[in-house]
Amino acid sequence: MISTRLLVVALAGMLGMAGGVFAADDAVDANVRDLTRYYEKDGIDLSRYKAIMLDSLGLDDARVMAPPWYEGEDGSPKKWQLTDSDIKWLRKSYRETVKAEIEKGGYPVVDAPGEGVLILDIEIIYLMPYARRGEDVTTRGFGEMLVQAQFRDGMTQELLAVYEGKQNVGSEYQQNSRLNNESSLRELFQYWGSRVRGIMDSARLD
């Protein structure tokens, strides 16, 4: 039996960048922050789950916050907002990238709950870019975000675990451009997918 503790091991480093099963980039791993466990159900047998269902990336209540070095009018919430196209891109890129990583392990990503399905629901609580859109500056990564991850049973919808924590989006110094920022976010999503795949691999090999 695989306990929910495996979720802790895998999600403790969740949200950064990786390639292969846990073959995470050392520079990125050094900058990954741990997620805090808020709830775990005891006695969960993760080997029962053969497929993953990805809920849509939660952005409905996400706040965009100015970093603390922007003051006065420059830090006004009106200047730090997600557009409809931003939200569409984030959800599309999240699903495509995480799905591709999970399916590398032979685990199907399904569109409906059911027996043997583990539901993953990730919500972005807030996003803090380190520079405004179009600003000609160099930043270390795109920014940071506060994320909550929930796992549920696909048959009963029972809540299995909840984790929350701040995450860095990129760790290398880069020019503030749409291309670089999108690349940092995709690398983050790729890492999430590899961690979920690692959970499934660990359960299968036990």
N, C-alpha and C. Protein backbone atom coordinates (compact mmCIF):
# COMPACT_ATOMS: atom_id res chain seq x y z
N MET A 1 0.85 -1.20 0.00
CA MET A 1 0.00 0.00 0.00
C MET A 1 0.89 1.25 0.00
N ILE A 2 0.54 2.22 -0.84
CA ILE A 2 1.27 3.48 -0.91
C ILE A 2 0.49 4.52 -0.15
N SER A 3 1.07 5.10 0.88
CA SER A 3 0.37 6.10 1.67
C SER A 3 0.42 7.46 0.99
N THR A 4 -0.39 8.37 1.49
CA THR A 4 -0.40 9.73 0.95
C THR A 4 0.94 10.41 1.15
N ARG A 5 1.82 9.85 1.99
CA ARG A 5 3.13 10.44 2.21
C ARG A 5 3.89 10.59 0.91
N LEU A 6 3.62 9.71 -0.07
CA LEU A 6 4.28 9.84 -1.36
C LEU A 6 3.92 11.16 -2.04
N LEU A 7 2.70 11.62 -1.81
CA LEU A 7 2.32 12.91 -2.38
C LEU A 7 3.20 14.01 -1.82
N VAL A 8 3.54 13.89 -0.54
CA VAL A 8 4.38 14.90 0.09
C VAL A 8 5.76 14.92 -0.56
N VAL A 9 6.34 13.72 -0.74
CA VAL A 9 7.68 13.63 -1.32
C VAL A 9 7.69 14.23 -2.72
N ALA A 10 6.67 13.90 -3.51
CA ALA A 10 6.65 14.38 -4.88
C ALA A 10 6.30 15.85 -4.98
N LEU A 11 5.36 16.29 -4.13
CA LEU A 11 4.90 17.67 -4.24
C LEU A 11 5.75 18.65 -3.45
N ALA A 12 6.64 18.13 -2.60
CA ALA A 12 7.51 19.03 -1.84
C ALA A 12 8.37 19.87 -2.76
N GLY A 13 8.68 19.31 -3.95
CA GLY A 13 9.47 20.06 -4.91
C GLY A 13 8.67 20.51 -6.11
N MET A 14 7.36 20.48 -5.99
CA MET A 14 6.51 20.74 -7.14
C MET A 14 6.56 22.21 -7.53
N LEU A 15 6.61 22.47 -8.82
CA LEU A 15 6.52 23.78 -9.44
C LEU A 15 7.91 24.36 -9.71
N GLY A 16 8.50 23.96 -10.84
CA GLY A 16 9.79 24.45 -11.25
C GLY A 16 10.12 24.01 -12.65
N MET A 17 11.03 23.01 -12.81
CA MET A 17 11.40 22.56 -14.15
C MET A 17 12.02 21.18 -14.05
N ALA A 18 11.78 20.32 -15.05
CA ALA A 18 12.35 18.98 -14.99
C ALA A 18 12.34 18.33 -16.36
N GLY A 19 13.07 17.21 -16.47
CA GLY A 19 13.04 16.38 -17.65
C GLY A 19 13.29 14.95 -17.22
N GLY A 20 12.52 13.99 -17.73
CA GLY A 20 12.67 12.62 -17.29
C GLY A 20 12.04 12.42 -15.92
N VAL A 21 12.02 11.18 -15.45
CA VAL A 21 11.40 10.87 -14.17
C VAL A 21 12.29 11.37 -13.05
N PHE A 22 11.92 12.46 -12.44
CA PHE A 22 12.67 13.08 -11.36
C PHE A 22 14.06 13.53 -11.78
N ALA A 23 14.33 13.60 -13.08
CA ALA A 23 15.63 14.11 -13.53
C ALA A 23 15.57 15.62 -13.62
N ALA A 24 15.30 16.23 -12.48
CA ALA A 24 15.10 17.68 -12.45
C ALA A 24 16.42 18.41 -12.60
N ASP A 25 16.36 19.58 -13.22
CA ASP A 25 17.53 20.42 -13.37
C ASP A 25 18.00 20.88 -11.99
N ASP A 26 19.30 20.67 -11.67
CA ASP A 26 19.82 20.99 -10.35
C ASP A 26 19.65 22.45 -10.00
N ALA A 27 19.87 23.33 -10.98
CA ALA A 27 19.76 24.77 -10.71
C ALA A 27 18.35 25.15 -10.34
N VAL A 28 17.37 24.49 -10.96
CA VAL A 28 15.97 24.77 -10.66
C VAL A 28 15.59 24.19 -9.31
N ASP A 29 16.00 22.93 -9.06
CA ASP A 29 15.66 22.30 -7.79
C ASP A 29 16.15 23.11 -6.61
N ALA A 30 17.30 23.76 -6.77
CA ALA A 30 17.85 24.54 -5.67
C ALA A 30 16.99 25.74 -5.35
N ASN A 31 16.12 26.13 -6.29
CA ASN A 31 15.28 27.31 -6.09
C ASN A 31 13.82 26.96 -5.84
N VAL A 32 13.51 25.66 -5.77
CA VAL A 32 12.13 25.23 -5.53
C VAL A 32 11.81 25.34 -4.05
N ARG A 33 10.64 25.88 -3.74
CA ARG A 33 10.20 25.98 -2.35
C ARG A 33 9.23 24.84 -2.04
N ASP A 34 9.25 24.41 -0.80
CA ASP A 34 8.38 23.32 -0.38
C ASP A 34 6.93 23.78 -0.29
N LEU A 35 6.03 22.84 -0.58
CA LEU A 35 4.62 23.06 -0.33
C LEU A 35 4.29 22.60 1.08
N THR A 36 3.39 23.30 1.72
CA THR A 36 2.98 22.95 3.09
C THR A 36 1.79 22.00 3.04
N ARG A 37 1.83 20.94 3.83
CA ARG A 37 0.71 20.02 3.93
C ARG A 37 -0.38 20.63 4.80
N TYR A 38 -1.57 20.76 4.24
CA TYR A 38 -2.71 21.24 5.01
C TYR A 38 -3.66 20.10 5.37
N TYR A 39 -3.66 19.06 4.54
CA TYR A 39 -4.52 17.91 4.84
C TYR A 39 -4.02 16.71 4.06
N GLU A 40 -4.03 15.54 4.70
CA GLU A 40 -3.77 14.27 4.04
C GLU A 40 -4.66 13.21 4.69
N LYS A 41 -5.35 12.47 3.90
CA LYS A 41 -6.14 11.36 4.44
C LYS A 41 -5.22 10.17 4.69
N ASP A 42 -5.37 9.53 5.82
CA ASP A 42 -4.54 8.37 6.15
C ASP A 42 -5.00 7.14 5.39
N GLY A 43 -4.06 6.26 5.11
CA GLY A 43 -4.39 4.94 4.57
C GLY A 43 -4.78 4.91 3.12
N ILE A 44 -4.33 5.89 2.33
CA ILE A 44 -4.67 5.90 0.91
C ILE A 44 -3.76 4.95 0.14
N ASP A 45 -4.34 4.09 -0.69
CA ASP A 45 -3.58 3.19 -1.54
C ASP A 45 -3.52 3.80 -2.94
N LEU A 46 -2.42 4.48 -3.24
CA LEU A 46 -2.30 5.17 -4.52
C LEU A 46 -2.15 4.22 -5.70
N SER A 47 -1.80 2.95 -5.43
CA SER A 47 -1.66 2.00 -6.53
C SER A 47 -3.01 1.69 -7.18
N ARG A 48 -4.10 2.12 -6.55
CA ARG A 48 -5.44 1.92 -7.11
C ARG A 48 -5.68 2.83 -8.31
N TYR A 49 -4.88 3.89 -8.43
CA TYR A 49 -5.15 4.90 -9.46
C TYR A 49 -4.30 4.64 -10.70
N LYS A 50 -4.99 4.55 -11.83
CA LYS A 50 -4.34 4.21 -13.10
C LYS A 50 -4.40 5.36 -14.11
N ALA A 51 -5.14 6.40 -13.79
CA ALA A 51 -5.31 7.52 -14.72
C ALA A 51 -5.42 8.82 -13.92
N ILE A 52 -5.19 9.92 -14.60
CA ILE A 52 -5.24 11.25 -13.99
C ILE A 52 -6.28 12.10 -14.72
N MET A 53 -7.05 12.83 -13.96
CA MET A 53 -7.94 13.84 -14.53
C MET A 53 -7.43 15.20 -14.10
N LEU A 54 -7.17 16.07 -15.06
CA LEU A 54 -6.70 17.42 -14.78
C LEU A 54 -7.87 18.38 -14.82
N ASP A 55 -8.21 18.95 -13.67
CA ASP A 55 -9.19 20.03 -13.69
C ASP A 55 -8.56 21.25 -14.35
N SER A 56 -9.38 22.15 -14.86
CA SER A 56 -8.89 23.38 -15.46
C SER A 56 -8.08 24.17 -14.43
N LEU A 57 -6.96 24.73 -14.83
CA LEU A 57 -6.12 25.52 -13.93
C LEU A 57 -6.96 26.64 -13.31
N GLY A 58 -7.00 26.65 -11.97
CA GLY A 58 -7.83 27.61 -11.27
C GLY A 58 -7.27 29.02 -11.30
N LEU A 59 -7.96 29.92 -12.00
CA LEU A 59 -7.52 31.31 -12.13
C LEU A 59 -8.63 32.31 -11.86
N ASP A 60 -9.83 31.80 -11.54
CA ASP A 60 -10.99 32.69 -11.42
C ASP A 60 -10.79 33.76 -10.35
N ASP A 61 -10.14 33.39 -9.26
CA ASP A 61 -9.94 34.34 -8.16
C ASP A 61 -8.48 34.73 -7.99
N ALA A 62 -7.66 34.43 -9.00
CA ALA A 62 -6.23 34.73 -8.89
C ALA A 62 -5.99 36.24 -8.89
N ARG A 63 -5.15 36.68 -7.98
CA ARG A 63 -4.77 38.09 -7.92
C ARG A 63 -3.38 38.26 -8.52
N VAL A 64 -3.19 39.35 -9.25
CA VAL A 64 -1.87 39.70 -9.75
C VAL A 64 -1.35 40.82 -8.85
N MET A 65 -0.22 40.57 -8.20
CA MET A 65 0.33 41.51 -7.24
C MET A 65 1.61 42.14 -7.78
N ALA A 66 1.76 43.44 -7.53
CA ALA A 66 3.00 44.12 -7.89
C ALA A 66 4.09 43.74 -6.89
N PRO A 67 5.32 43.55 -7.34
CA PRO A 67 6.40 43.28 -6.39
C PRO A 67 6.63 44.50 -5.50
N PRO A 68 7.23 44.31 -4.33
CA PRO A 68 7.32 45.40 -3.35
C PRO A 68 8.14 46.60 -3.79
N TRP A 69 8.98 46.44 -4.81
CA TRP A 69 9.79 47.58 -5.26
C TRP A 69 9.03 48.53 -6.18
N TYR A 70 7.78 48.21 -6.52
CA TYR A 70 6.93 49.14 -7.24
C TYR A 70 6.04 49.86 -6.23
N GLU A 71 6.13 51.15 -6.18
CA GLU A 71 5.40 51.92 -5.18
C GLU A 71 4.46 52.92 -5.84
N GLY A 72 3.53 53.40 -5.05
CA GLY A 72 2.61 54.43 -5.52
C GLY A 72 1.78 53.96 -6.69
N GLU A 73 1.63 54.79 -7.69
CA GLU A 73 0.81 54.49 -8.85
C GLU A 73 1.34 53.30 -9.64
N ASP A 74 2.68 53.11 -9.62
CA ASP A 74 3.27 51.98 -10.35
C ASP A 74 2.82 50.64 -9.78
N GLY A 75 2.44 50.64 -8.51
CA GLY A 75 1.99 49.40 -7.88
C GLY A 75 0.48 49.25 -7.89
N SER A 76 -0.23 50.12 -8.57
CA SER A 76 -1.68 50.07 -8.60
C SER A 76 -2.17 48.76 -9.22
N PRO A 77 -3.17 48.13 -8.61
CA PRO A 77 -3.72 46.88 -9.16
C PRO A 77 -4.19 47.02 -10.60
N LYS A 78 -4.58 48.22 -11.01
CA LYS A 78 -5.05 48.43 -12.37
C LYS A 78 -3.95 48.17 -13.39
N LYS A 79 -2.69 48.29 -12.96
CA LYS A 79 -1.57 48.08 -13.87
C LYS A 79 -1.04 46.64 -13.82
N TRP A 80 -1.63 45.82 -12.94
CA TRP A 80 -1.17 44.45 -12.77
C TRP A 80 -2.37 43.52 -12.83
N GLN A 81 -2.79 43.16 -14.04
CA GLN A 81 -3.97 42.33 -14.22
C GLN A 81 -3.72 41.29 -15.29
N LEU A 82 -4.40 40.15 -15.14
CA LEU A 82 -4.41 39.14 -16.19
C LEU A 82 -5.48 39.50 -17.22
N THR A 83 -5.11 39.46 -18.48
CA THR A 83 -6.09 39.68 -19.53
C THR A 83 -6.78 38.36 -19.86
N ASP A 84 -7.86 38.42 -20.61
CA ASP A 84 -8.55 37.21 -21.04
C ASP A 84 -7.61 36.31 -21.84
N SER A 85 -6.77 36.92 -22.67
CA SER A 85 -5.83 36.11 -23.46
C SER A 85 -4.76 35.48 -22.57
N ASP A 86 -4.35 36.17 -21.50
CA ASP A 86 -3.40 35.58 -20.54
C ASP A 86 -3.99 34.32 -19.91
N ILE A 87 -5.24 34.43 -19.45
CA ILE A 87 -5.90 33.30 -18.79
C ILE A 87 -6.06 32.13 -19.75
N LYS A 88 -6.45 32.43 -20.99
CA LYS A 88 -6.61 31.38 -21.99
C LYS A 88 -5.28 30.68 -22.25
N TRP A 89 -4.21 31.46 -22.38
CA TRP A 89 -2.89 30.87 -22.64
C TRP A 89 -2.42 30.03 -21.45
N LEU A 90 -2.59 30.53 -20.24
CA LEU A 90 -2.15 29.79 -19.06
C LEU A 90 -2.86 28.45 -18.95
N ARG A 91 -4.17 28.45 -19.12
CA ARG A 91 -4.92 27.20 -19.00
C ARG A 91 -4.57 26.22 -20.11
N LYS A 92 -4.43 26.71 -21.32
CA LYS A 92 -4.09 25.84 -22.45
C LYS A 92 -2.68 25.26 -22.29
N SER A 93 -1.71 26.10 -21.93
CA SER A 93 -0.33 25.64 -21.78
C SER A 93 -0.19 24.69 -20.61
N TYR A 94 -0.89 24.99 -19.51
CA TYR A 94 -0.88 24.10 -18.35
C TYR A 94 -1.36 22.71 -18.73
N ARG A 95 -2.50 22.64 -19.37
CA ARG A 95 -3.09 21.34 -19.69
C ARG A 95 -2.21 20.57 -20.68
N GLU A 96 -1.77 21.24 -21.73
CA GLU A 96 -0.97 20.56 -22.75
C GLU A 96 0.35 20.05 -22.17
N THR A 97 1.02 20.88 -21.38
CA THR A 97 2.35 20.52 -20.87
C THR A 97 2.28 19.46 -19.79
N VAL A 98 1.39 19.63 -18.81
CA VAL A 98 1.26 18.65 -17.74
C VAL A 98 0.78 17.32 -18.31
N LYS A 99 -0.17 17.35 -19.22
CA LYS A 99 -0.68 16.12 -19.84
C LYS A 99 0.44 15.37 -20.55
N ALA A 100 1.26 16.08 -21.31
CA ALA A 100 2.34 15.43 -22.04
C ALA A 100 3.33 14.76 -21.10
N GLU A 101 3.64 15.40 -19.98
CA GLU A 101 4.58 14.83 -19.02
C GLU A 101 4.01 13.58 -18.36
N ILE A 102 2.75 13.64 -17.95
CA ILE A 102 2.13 12.48 -17.30
C ILE A 102 2.05 11.30 -18.26
N GLU A 103 1.69 11.56 -19.51
CA GLU A 103 1.52 10.48 -20.47
C GLU A 103 2.84 9.84 -20.88
N LYS A 104 3.97 10.49 -20.60
CA LYS A 104 5.26 9.87 -20.85
C LYS A 104 5.43 8.59 -20.04
N GLY A 105 4.74 8.52 -18.90
CA GLY A 105 4.82 7.33 -18.06
C GLY A 105 3.79 6.28 -18.41
N GLY A 106 3.01 6.53 -19.46
CA GLY A 106 1.99 5.56 -19.87
C GLY A 106 0.68 5.70 -19.12
N TYR A 107 0.50 6.82 -18.41
CA TYR A 107 -0.73 7.04 -17.64
C TYR A 107 -1.68 7.92 -18.46
N PRO A 108 -2.87 7.45 -18.75
CA PRO A 108 -3.80 8.27 -19.52
C PRO A 108 -4.30 9.47 -18.73
N VAL A 109 -4.47 10.58 -19.40
CA VAL A 109 -5.11 11.75 -18.82
C VAL A 109 -6.52 11.80 -19.37
N VAL A 110 -7.50 11.65 -18.50
CA VAL A 110 -8.89 11.50 -18.92
C VAL A 110 -9.68 12.77 -18.68
N ASP A 111 -10.82 12.85 -19.32
CA ASP A 111 -11.66 14.05 -19.23
C ASP A 111 -12.83 13.90 -18.27
N ALA A 112 -13.02 12.70 -17.71
CA ALA A 112 -14.16 12.47 -16.82
C ALA A 112 -13.71 11.66 -15.61
N PRO A 113 -14.30 11.91 -14.45
CA PRO A 113 -13.96 11.13 -13.25
C PRO A 113 -14.51 9.72 -13.35
N GLY A 114 -13.96 8.84 -12.52
CA GLY A 114 -14.43 7.46 -12.51
C GLY A 114 -13.53 6.61 -11.64
N GLU A 115 -13.77 5.32 -11.64
CA GLU A 115 -12.98 4.41 -10.83
C GLU A 115 -11.53 4.38 -11.32
N GLY A 116 -10.59 4.41 -10.37
CA GLY A 116 -9.17 4.36 -10.72
C GLY A 116 -8.61 5.67 -11.24
N VAL A 117 -9.38 6.75 -11.11
CA VAL A 117 -8.94 8.07 -11.59
C VAL A 117 -8.57 8.95 -10.40
N LEU A 118 -7.40 9.55 -10.47
CA LEU A 118 -6.94 10.51 -9.47
C LEU A 118 -7.11 11.91 -10.04
N ILE A 119 -7.90 12.74 -9.36
CA ILE A 119 -8.17 14.09 -9.85
C ILE A 119 -7.17 15.06 -9.26
N LEU A 120 -6.53 15.84 -10.12
CA LEU A 120 -5.60 16.89 -9.70
C LEU A 120 -6.22 18.25 -10.00
N ASP A 121 -6.33 19.06 -8.97
CA ASP A 121 -6.90 20.41 -9.10
C ASP A 121 -5.89 21.41 -8.56
N ILE A 122 -5.33 22.23 -9.44
CA ILE A 122 -4.35 23.25 -9.04
C ILE A 122 -4.96 24.63 -9.23
N GLU A 123 -4.85 25.44 -8.20
CA GLU A 123 -5.37 26.81 -8.24
C GLU A 123 -4.25 27.79 -7.94
N ILE A 124 -4.15 28.83 -8.75
CA ILE A 124 -3.21 29.91 -8.48
C ILE A 124 -3.92 30.95 -7.61
N ILE A 125 -3.39 31.14 -6.41
CA ILE A 125 -3.98 32.10 -5.48
C ILE A 125 -3.55 33.52 -5.85
N TYR A 126 -2.26 33.70 -6.05
CA TYR A 126 -1.78 34.98 -6.58
C TYR A 126 -0.55 34.76 -7.43
N LEU A 127 -0.32 35.70 -8.32
CA LEU A 127 0.83 35.70 -9.21
C LEU A 127 1.53 37.04 -9.08
N MET A 128 2.86 37.00 -8.88
CA MET A 128 3.63 38.23 -8.74
C MET A 128 4.73 38.28 -9.81
N PRO A 129 4.46 38.89 -10.97
CA PRO A 129 5.52 39.09 -11.96
C PRO A 129 6.55 40.07 -11.40
N TYR A 130 7.79 39.92 -11.80
CA TYR A 130 8.82 40.82 -11.30
C TYR A 130 8.96 42.09 -12.12
N ALA A 131 8.21 42.18 -13.22
CA ALA A 131 8.22 43.40 -14.05
C ALA A 131 6.90 43.48 -14.80
N ARG A 132 6.52 44.70 -15.16
CA ARG A 132 5.29 44.89 -15.93
C ARG A 132 5.49 44.47 -17.38
N ARG A 133 4.39 44.16 -18.02
CA ARG A 133 4.40 43.78 -19.42
C ARG A 133 5.07 44.87 -20.26
N GLY A 134 6.06 44.48 -21.08
CA GLY A 134 6.71 45.42 -21.99
C GLY A 134 7.82 46.24 -21.37
N GLU A 135 8.05 46.11 -20.08
CA GLU A 135 9.09 46.89 -19.42
C GLU A 135 10.47 46.33 -19.79
N ASP A 136 11.39 47.21 -20.18
CA ASP A 136 12.71 46.81 -20.67
C ASP A 136 13.68 46.65 -19.50
N VAL A 137 13.59 45.51 -18.81
CA VAL A 137 14.45 45.23 -17.66
C VAL A 137 14.84 43.75 -17.68
N THR A 138 15.83 43.41 -16.86
CA THR A 138 16.24 42.02 -16.67
C THR A 138 15.79 41.57 -15.28
N THR A 139 15.19 40.38 -15.21
CA THR A 139 14.71 39.85 -13.93
C THR A 139 15.24 38.43 -13.74
N ARG A 140 15.22 37.97 -12.50
CA ARG A 140 15.59 36.58 -12.23
C ARG A 140 14.33 35.73 -12.29
N GLY A 141 14.10 35.14 -13.44
CA GLY A 141 12.86 34.42 -13.66
C GLY A 141 11.72 35.38 -13.93
N PHE A 142 10.55 34.80 -14.14
CA PHE A 142 9.36 35.61 -14.43
C PHE A 142 8.78 36.24 -13.18
N GLY A 143 8.82 35.48 -12.05
CA GLY A 143 8.22 35.99 -10.83
C GLY A 143 7.97 34.85 -9.86
N GLU A 144 6.93 34.97 -9.08
CA GLU A 144 6.56 33.91 -8.14
C GLU A 144 5.05 33.82 -8.05
N MET A 145 4.57 32.71 -7.50
CA MET A 145 3.13 32.53 -7.34
C MET A 145 2.85 31.73 -6.08
N LEU A 146 1.66 31.91 -5.54
CA LEU A 146 1.15 31.09 -4.45
C LEU A 146 0.15 30.12 -5.04
N VAL A 147 0.37 28.83 -4.80
CA VAL A 147 -0.40 27.78 -5.45
C VAL A 147 -1.00 26.84 -4.42
N GLN A 148 -2.21 26.36 -4.70
CA GLN A 148 -2.81 25.30 -3.90
C GLN A 148 -3.08 24.10 -4.80
N ALA A 149 -2.67 22.90 -4.35
CA ALA A 149 -2.90 21.66 -5.09
C ALA A 149 -3.79 20.74 -4.27
N GLN A 150 -4.82 20.21 -4.90
CA GLN A 150 -5.72 19.26 -4.26
C GLN A 150 -5.79 17.97 -5.07
N PHE A 151 -5.85 16.85 -4.35
CA PHE A 151 -6.08 15.55 -4.97
C PHE A 151 -7.40 14.99 -4.46
N ARG A 152 -8.19 14.42 -5.40
CA ARG A 152 -9.47 13.81 -5.05
C ARG A 152 -9.60 12.45 -5.71
N ASP A 153 -10.42 11.61 -5.10
CA ASP A 153 -10.75 10.32 -5.68
C ASP A 153 -11.77 10.52 -6.80
N GLY A 154 -11.49 9.91 -7.95
CA GLY A 154 -12.34 10.13 -9.11
C GLY A 154 -13.70 9.48 -9.03
N MET A 155 -13.87 8.49 -8.16
CA MET A 155 -15.17 7.83 -8.03
C MET A 155 -16.04 8.51 -6.98
N THR A 156 -15.47 8.79 -5.82
CA THR A 156 -16.26 9.33 -4.71
C THR A 156 -16.14 10.85 -4.58
N GLN A 157 -15.18 11.45 -5.28
CA GLN A 157 -14.87 12.89 -5.17
C GLN A 157 -14.29 13.23 -3.78
N GLU A 158 -13.93 12.22 -3.02
CA GLU A 158 -13.40 12.46 -1.67
C GLU A 158 -12.05 13.19 -1.76
N LEU A 159 -11.89 14.18 -0.89
CA LEU A 159 -10.64 14.93 -0.82
C LEU A 159 -9.57 14.07 -0.16
N LEU A 160 -8.44 13.87 -0.86
CA LEU A 160 -7.36 13.03 -0.36
C LEU A 160 -6.22 13.84 0.26
N ALA A 161 -5.92 14.99 -0.33
CA ALA A 161 -4.80 15.78 0.17
C ALA A 161 -4.89 17.21 -0.34
N VAL A 162 -4.36 18.14 0.46
CA VAL A 162 -4.29 19.56 0.09
C VAL A 162 -2.90 20.07 0.46
N TYR A 163 -2.27 20.76 -0.50
CA TYR A 163 -0.96 21.37 -0.28
C TYR A 163 -0.99 22.81 -0.78
N GLU A 164 -0.18 23.64 -0.17
CA GLU A 164 -0.14 25.03 -0.60
C GLU A 164 1.25 25.60 -0.36
N GLY A 165 1.69 26.49 -1.22
CA GLY A 165 2.99 27.11 -1.01
C GLY A 165 3.36 28.06 -2.13
N LYS A 166 4.37 28.89 -1.84
CA LYS A 166 4.91 29.81 -2.85
C LYS A 166 5.89 29.07 -3.74
N GLN A 167 5.91 29.46 -5.00
CA GLN A 167 6.80 28.84 -5.97
C GLN A 167 7.47 29.90 -6.83
N ASN A 168 8.72 29.65 -7.18
CA ASN A 168 9.42 30.51 -8.12
C ASN A 168 9.08 30.10 -9.54
N VAL A 169 8.89 31.07 -10.41
CA VAL A 169 8.64 30.79 -11.83
C VAL A 169 9.90 31.17 -12.60
N GLY A 170 10.79 30.21 -12.75
CA GLY A 170 12.08 30.46 -13.37
C GLY A 170 13.12 30.87 -12.34
N SER A 171 14.37 30.61 -12.66
CA SER A 171 15.46 30.93 -11.73
C SER A 171 16.64 31.61 -12.39
N GLU A 172 16.63 31.67 -13.72
CA GLU A 172 17.74 32.29 -14.44
C GLU A 172 17.42 33.75 -14.76
N TYR A 173 18.49 34.58 -14.82
CA TYR A 173 18.30 35.97 -15.22
C TYR A 173 17.91 36.02 -16.69
N GLN A 174 16.89 36.82 -17.00
CA GLN A 174 16.37 36.88 -18.35
C GLN A 174 15.79 38.25 -18.64
N GLN A 175 15.79 38.59 -19.92
CA GLN A 175 15.14 39.81 -20.35
C GLN A 175 13.63 39.66 -20.17
N ASN A 176 12.99 40.71 -19.70
CA ASN A 176 11.54 40.68 -19.51
C ASN A 176 10.85 40.77 -20.87
N SER A 177 10.53 39.60 -21.42
CA SER A 177 9.83 39.52 -22.70
C SER A 177 8.75 38.46 -22.62
N ARG A 178 7.77 38.56 -23.48
CA ARG A 178 6.70 37.57 -23.47
C ARG A 178 7.25 36.17 -23.73
N LEU A 179 8.19 36.06 -24.69
CA LEU A 179 8.77 34.76 -25.03
C LEU A 179 9.45 34.14 -23.82
N ASN A 180 10.29 34.90 -23.11
CA ASN A 180 11.00 34.37 -21.95
C ASN A 180 10.04 34.02 -20.81
N ASN A 181 9.06 34.88 -20.59
CA ASN A 181 8.11 34.63 -19.50
C ASN A 181 7.26 33.38 -19.77
N GLU A 182 6.82 33.22 -21.00
CA GLU A 182 6.05 32.03 -21.34
C GLU A 182 6.90 30.78 -21.22
N SER A 183 8.17 30.87 -21.58
CA SER A 183 9.07 29.73 -21.46
C SER A 183 9.24 29.33 -19.99
N SER A 184 9.38 30.31 -19.09
CA SER A 184 9.51 30.02 -17.66
C SER A 184 8.26 29.33 -17.12
N LEU A 185 7.10 29.79 -17.57
CA LEU A 185 5.84 29.18 -17.11
C LEU A 185 5.69 27.76 -17.64
N ARG A 186 6.04 27.53 -18.90
CA ARG A 186 5.96 26.17 -19.45
C ARG A 186 6.90 25.22 -18.71
N GLU A 187 8.10 25.69 -18.37
CA GLU A 187 9.03 24.85 -17.62
C GLU A 187 8.45 24.49 -16.26
N LEU A 188 7.76 25.44 -15.65
CA LEU A 188 7.09 25.19 -14.39
C LEU A 188 6.04 24.10 -14.53
N PHE A 189 5.19 24.22 -15.54
CA PHE A 189 4.15 23.23 -15.78
C PHE A 189 4.75 21.86 -16.08
N GLN A 190 5.85 21.84 -16.82
CA GLN A 190 6.52 20.58 -17.12
C GLN A 190 6.97 19.89 -15.84
N TYR A 191 7.47 20.67 -14.92
CA TYR A 191 7.94 20.11 -13.65
C TYR A 191 6.77 19.53 -12.85
N TRP A 192 5.65 20.24 -12.82
CA TRP A 192 4.47 19.71 -12.14
C TRP A 192 4.10 18.34 -12.70
N GLY A 193 4.05 18.26 -14.03
CA GLY A 193 3.68 17.00 -14.66
C GLY A 193 4.64 15.87 -14.32
N SER A 194 5.93 16.18 -14.27
CA SER A 194 6.91 15.13 -13.96
C SER A 194 6.76 14.66 -12.52
N ARG A 195 6.38 15.56 -11.61
CA ARG A 195 6.18 15.16 -10.22
C ARG A 195 4.95 14.27 -10.07
N VAL A 196 3.89 14.59 -10.77
CA VAL A 196 2.69 13.74 -10.72
C VAL A 196 3.01 12.37 -11.30
N ARG A 197 3.76 12.36 -12.40
CA ARG A 197 4.17 11.08 -12.98
C ARG A 197 5.01 10.28 -11.99
N GLY A 198 5.84 10.96 -11.22
CA GLY A 198 6.65 10.28 -10.21
C GLY A 198 5.81 9.63 -9.13
N ILE A 199 4.71 10.29 -8.75
CA ILE A 199 3.79 9.69 -7.78
C ILE A 199 3.23 8.38 -8.32
N MET A 200 2.81 8.40 -9.58
CA MET A 200 2.22 7.21 -10.17
C MET A 200 3.28 6.11 -10.32
N ASP A 201 4.49 6.48 -10.72
CA ASP A 201 5.56 5.50 -10.87
C ASP A 201 5.88 4.83 -9.53
N SER A 202 5.96 5.61 -8.47
CA SER A 202 6.29 5.07 -7.15
C SER A 202 5.23 4.08 -6.68
N ALA A 203 3.97 4.42 -6.94
CA ALA A 203 2.88 3.52 -6.55
C ALA A 203 2.92 2.22 -7.35
N ARG A 204 3.25 2.32 -8.61
CA ARG A 204 3.26 1.14 -9.48
C ARG A 204 4.42 0.19 -9.15
N LEU A 205 5.55 0.77 -8.73
CA LEU A 205 6.75 -0.04 -8.50
C LEU A 205 6.83 -0.62 -7.10
N ASP A 206 5.95 -0.15 -6.21
CA ASP A 206 6.03 -0.66 -4.82
C ASP A 206 5.63 -2.13 -4.75
